[in-house]
C-alpha atoms as a PDB file:
ATOM      1  CA  MET A   1     -33.902  39.840  58.032  1.00  0.00           C
ATOM      2  CA  LEU A   2     -34.015  36.537  55.980  1.00  0.00           C
ATOM      3  CA  ALA A   3     -35.930  37.314  52.670  1.00  0.00           C
ATOM      4  CA  VAL A   4     -35.805  36.669  48.795  1.00  0.00           C
ATOM      5  CA  ALA A   5     -34.258  39.882  47.259  1.00  0.00           C
ATOM      6  CA  LEU A   6     -36.837  41.030  44.972  1.00  0.00           C
ATOM      7  CA  GLY A   7     -34.853  43.840  43.221  1.00  0.00           C
ATOM      8  CA  ALA A   8     -34.619  44.361  39.512  1.00  0.00           C
ATOM      9  CA  GLY A   9     -31.221  42.544  38.622  1.00  0.00           C
ATOM     10  CA  ASN A  10     -31.764  40.279  41.668  1.00  0.00           C
ATOM     11  CA  ALA A  11     -34.577  37.934  41.026  1.00  0.00           C
ATOM     12  CA  GLY A  12     -34.365  34.560  42.756  1.00  0.00           C
ATOM     13  CA  ALA A  13     -31.083  35.954  45.081  1.00  0.00           C
ATOM     14  CA  ARG A  14     -31.406  35.110  48.564  1.00  0.00           C
ATOM     15  CA  THR A  15     -30.002  36.694  51.810  1.00  0.00           C
ATOM     16  CA  ALA A  16     -28.126  34.874  54.549  1.00  0.00           C
ATOM     17  CA  TYR A  17     -29.820  34.831  58.033  1.00  0.00           C
ATOM     18  CA  ASN A  18     -29.216  37.995  59.964  1.00  0.00           C
ATOM     19  CA  GLN A  19     -29.820  36.579  63.662  1.00  0.00           C
ATOM     20  CA  SER A  20     -30.320  40.033  65.109  1.00  0.00           C
ATOM     21  CA  GLU A  21     -33.578  40.477  62.823  1.00  0.00           C
ATOM     22  CA  PRO A  22     -34.998  36.833  62.037  1.00  0.00           C
ATOM     23  CA  GLY A  23     -38.665  36.540  60.250  1.00  0.00           C
ATOM     24  CA  LEU A  24     -41.107  35.450  62.841  1.00  0.00           C
ATOM     25  CA  ILE A  25     -44.102  33.508  62.546  1.00  0.00           C
ATOM     26  CA  ALA A  26     -46.703  32.564  65.594  1.00  0.00           C
ATOM     27  CA  LEU A  27     -47.258  28.801  66.229  1.00  0.00           C
ATOM     28  CA  GLY A  28     -51.090  29.655  65.644  1.00  0.00           C
ATOM     29  CA  ALA A  29     -50.283  31.134  62.461  1.00  0.00           C
ATOM     30  CA  LEU A  30     -48.828  28.215  60.979  1.00  0.00           C
ATOM     31  CA  PRO A  31     -51.550  26.174  58.426  1.00  0.00           C
ATOM     32  CA  VAL A  32     -53.144  23.354  60.486  1.00  0.00           C
ATOM     33  CA  GLU A  33     -50.760  20.767  58.917  1.00  0.00           C
ATOM     34  CA  GLY A  34     -47.661  22.819  60.330  1.00  0.00           C
ATOM     35  CA  GLN A  35     -48.927  22.835  63.672  1.00  0.00           C
ATOM     36  CA  GLU A  36     -49.616  19.304  63.856  1.00  0.00           C
ATOM     37  CA  THR A  37     -46.041  18.495  62.328  1.00  0.00           C
ATOM     38  CA  HIS A  38     -45.063  20.968  65.267  1.00  0.00           C
ATOM     39  CA  ARG A  39     -46.850  18.815  67.687  1.00  0.00           C
ATOM     40  CA  LEU A  40     -45.346  15.361  66.146  1.00  0.00           C
ATOM     41  CA  ILE A  41     -41.688  17.047  66.634  1.00  0.00           C
ATOM     42  CA  HIS A  42     -42.292  17.749  70.197  1.00  0.00           C
ATOM     43  CA  GLN A  43     -43.744  13.923  70.960  1.00  0.00           C
ATOM     44  CA  GLY A  44     -41.155  12.385  68.914  1.00  0.00           C
ATOM     45  CA  GLY A  45     -43.248  11.225  65.869  1.00  0.00           C
ATOM     46  CA  PRO A  46     -44.469   8.876  64.540  1.00  0.00           C
ATOM     47  CA  PHE A  47     -43.997  10.912  61.363  1.00  0.00           C
ATOM     48  CA  PRO A  48     -45.743  10.417  57.788  1.00  0.00           C
ATOM     49  CA  PHE A  49     -42.978  10.457  55.712  1.00  0.00           C
ATOM     50  CA  ASP A  50     -39.657   8.365  55.571  1.00  0.00           C
ATOM     51  CA  LYS A  51     -37.639  11.576  55.361  1.00  0.00           C
ATOM     52  CA  ASP A  52     -38.992  13.409  58.151  1.00  0.00           C
ATOM     53  CA  GLY A  53     -36.107  13.662  61.025  1.00  0.00           C
ATOM     54  CA  VAL A  54     -33.434  13.623  58.379  1.00  0.00           C
ATOM     55  CA  VAL A  55     -30.226  16.139  59.044  1.00  0.00           C
ATOM     56  CA  PHE A  56     -30.800  19.702  57.303  1.00  0.00           C
ATOM     57  CA  GLY A  57     -27.451  20.602  56.218  1.00  0.00           C
ATOM     58  CA  ASN A  58     -28.075  24.868  55.982  1.00  0.00           C
ATOM     59  CA  ARG A  59     -25.574  24.525  53.029  1.00  0.00           C
ATOM     60  CA  GLU A  60     -26.783  28.020  52.295  1.00  0.00           C
ATOM     61  CA  ARG A  61     -26.253  29.436  55.670  1.00  0.00           C
ATOM     62  CA  PHE A  62     -30.049  30.660  55.517  1.00  0.00           C
ATOM     63  CA  LEU A  63     -30.295  29.583  59.282  1.00  0.00           C
ATOM     64  CA  PRO A  64     -27.977  30.236  62.261  1.00  0.00           C
ATOM     65  CA  MET A  65     -24.818  28.285  62.245  1.00  0.00           C
ATOM     66  CA  HIS A  66     -24.323  25.301  63.922  1.00  0.00           C
ATOM     67  CA  LYS A  67     -22.209  22.091  63.457  1.00  0.00           C
ATOM     68  CA  ARG A  68     -23.512  19.426  60.943  1.00  0.00           C
ATOM     69  CA  GLY A  69     -26.491  17.217  62.566  1.00  0.00           C
ATOM     70  CA  TYR A  70     -27.824  20.137  64.638  1.00  0.00           C
ATOM     71  CA  TYR A  71     -30.642  20.602  62.064  1.00  0.00           C
ATOM     72  CA  ARG A  72     -33.331  17.980  61.155  1.00  0.00           C
ATOM     73  CA  GLU A  73     -36.322  18.589  58.679  1.00  0.00           C
ATOM     74  CA  TYR A  74     -39.864  17.556  58.629  1.00  0.00           C
ATOM     75  CA  THR A  75     -42.493  17.586  56.120  1.00  0.00           C
ATOM     76  CA  VAL A  76     -45.401  19.897  56.664  1.00  0.00           C
ATOM     77  CA  ARG A  77     -48.108  18.308  54.579  1.00  0.00           C
ATOM     78  CA  THR A  78     -49.758  19.989  51.572  1.00  0.00           C
ATOM     79  CA  PRO A  79     -53.422  19.192  50.738  1.00  0.00           C
ATOM     80  CA  GLY A  80     -53.744  18.117  47.335  1.00  0.00           C
ATOM     81  CA  SER A  81     -50.200  17.388  47.095  1.00  0.00           C
ATOM     82  CA  ARG A  82     -48.996  13.798  45.589  1.00  0.00           C
ATOM     83  CA  ASN A  83     -45.477  14.302  46.947  1.00  0.00           C
ATOM     84  CA  ARG A  84     -44.193  15.855  50.176  1.00  0.00           C
ATOM     85  CA  GLY A  85     -44.612  19.207  48.770  1.00  0.00           C
ATOM     86  CA  ALA A  86     -42.405  22.549  49.636  1.00  0.00           C
ATOM     87  CA  ARG A  87     -43.429  22.921  53.037  1.00  0.00           C
ATOM     88  CA  ARG A  88     -40.760  21.945  55.952  1.00  0.00           C
ATOM     89  CA  ILE A  89     -40.263  22.702  59.414  1.00  0.00           C
ATOM     90  CA  VAL A  90     -36.397  22.578  60.293  1.00  0.00           C
ATOM     91  CA  CYS A  91     -35.473  22.397  64.281  1.00  0.00           C
ATOM     92  CA  GLY A  92     -32.074  22.645  65.589  1.00  0.00           C
ATOM     93  CA  GLY A  93     -30.998  20.803  69.124  1.00  0.00           C
ATOM     94  CA  PRO A  94     -32.451  17.838  70.915  1.00  0.00           C
ATOM     95  CA  ALA A  95     -35.156  16.123  68.739  1.00  0.00           C
ATOM     96  CA  THR A  96     -38.238  16.237  71.203  1.00  0.00           C
ATOM     97  CA  LEU A  97     -37.314  19.789  72.909  1.00  0.00           C
ATOM     98  CA  PRO A  98     -35.577  21.840  70.137  1.00  0.00           C
ATOM     99  CA  ASP A  99     -33.636  25.013  70.892  1.00  0.00           C
ATOM    100  CA  ASP A 100     -35.522  26.611  67.952  1.00  0.00           C
ATOM    101  CA  CYS A 101     -37.721  25.612  64.791  1.00  0.00           C
ATOM    102  CA  PHE A 102     -38.142  27.493  61.559  1.00  0.00           C
ATOM    103  CA  TYR A 103     -40.921  27.174  59.135  1.00  0.00           C
ATOM    104  CA  THR A 104     -40.518  27.496  55.351  1.00  0.00           C
ATOM    105  CA  ALA A 105     -43.329  27.627  52.804  1.00  0.00           C
ATOM    106  CA  ASP A 106     -40.993  27.478  49.676  1.00  0.00           C
ATOM    107  CA  HIS A 107     -39.011  24.639  50.049  1.00  0.00           C
ATOM    108  CA  TYR A 108     -35.890  26.332  52.088  1.00  0.00           C
ATOM    109  CA  ALA A 109     -36.069  29.775  49.738  1.00  0.00           C
ATOM    110  CA  SER A 110     -37.177  31.473  53.037  1.00  0.00           C
ATOM    111  CA  PHE A 111     -37.622  30.669  56.467  1.00  0.00           C
ATOM    112  CA  ARG A 112     -39.431  31.948  59.642  1.00  0.00           C
ATOM    113  CA  LYS A 113     -38.672  31.330  63.217  1.00  0.00           C
ATOM    114  CA  ILE A 114     -41.661  29.727  64.962  1.00  0.00           C
ATOM    115  CA  VAL A 115     -42.746  31.599  68.457  1.00  0.00           C
ATOM    116  CA  PRO A 116     -45.330  30.572  70.708  1.00  0.00           C
END
């Protein structure tokens, strides 16, 4: 499972994605702002931030491996934040009909696959 390792001596260490046991989150369990971002992704925008829709590199390999350009990231608004905040949705595949989307509330330290 994709997770932040919390054991002594491993504070802050992260584990790579394991496709056989991904962390999951129901679409309805996302914050309201995440549900709105997910809806915008599927309708093709318009998005509130210029960086929404840019390629997500998956350099840390926390998501399943695909060719560069497969993943795109989108901001999930954070109430009270003066900037984009830490919350994102990263989707892979076609822009308005993604294969999979993942939610992170901690700026890419962990991901959960969004399920209906």
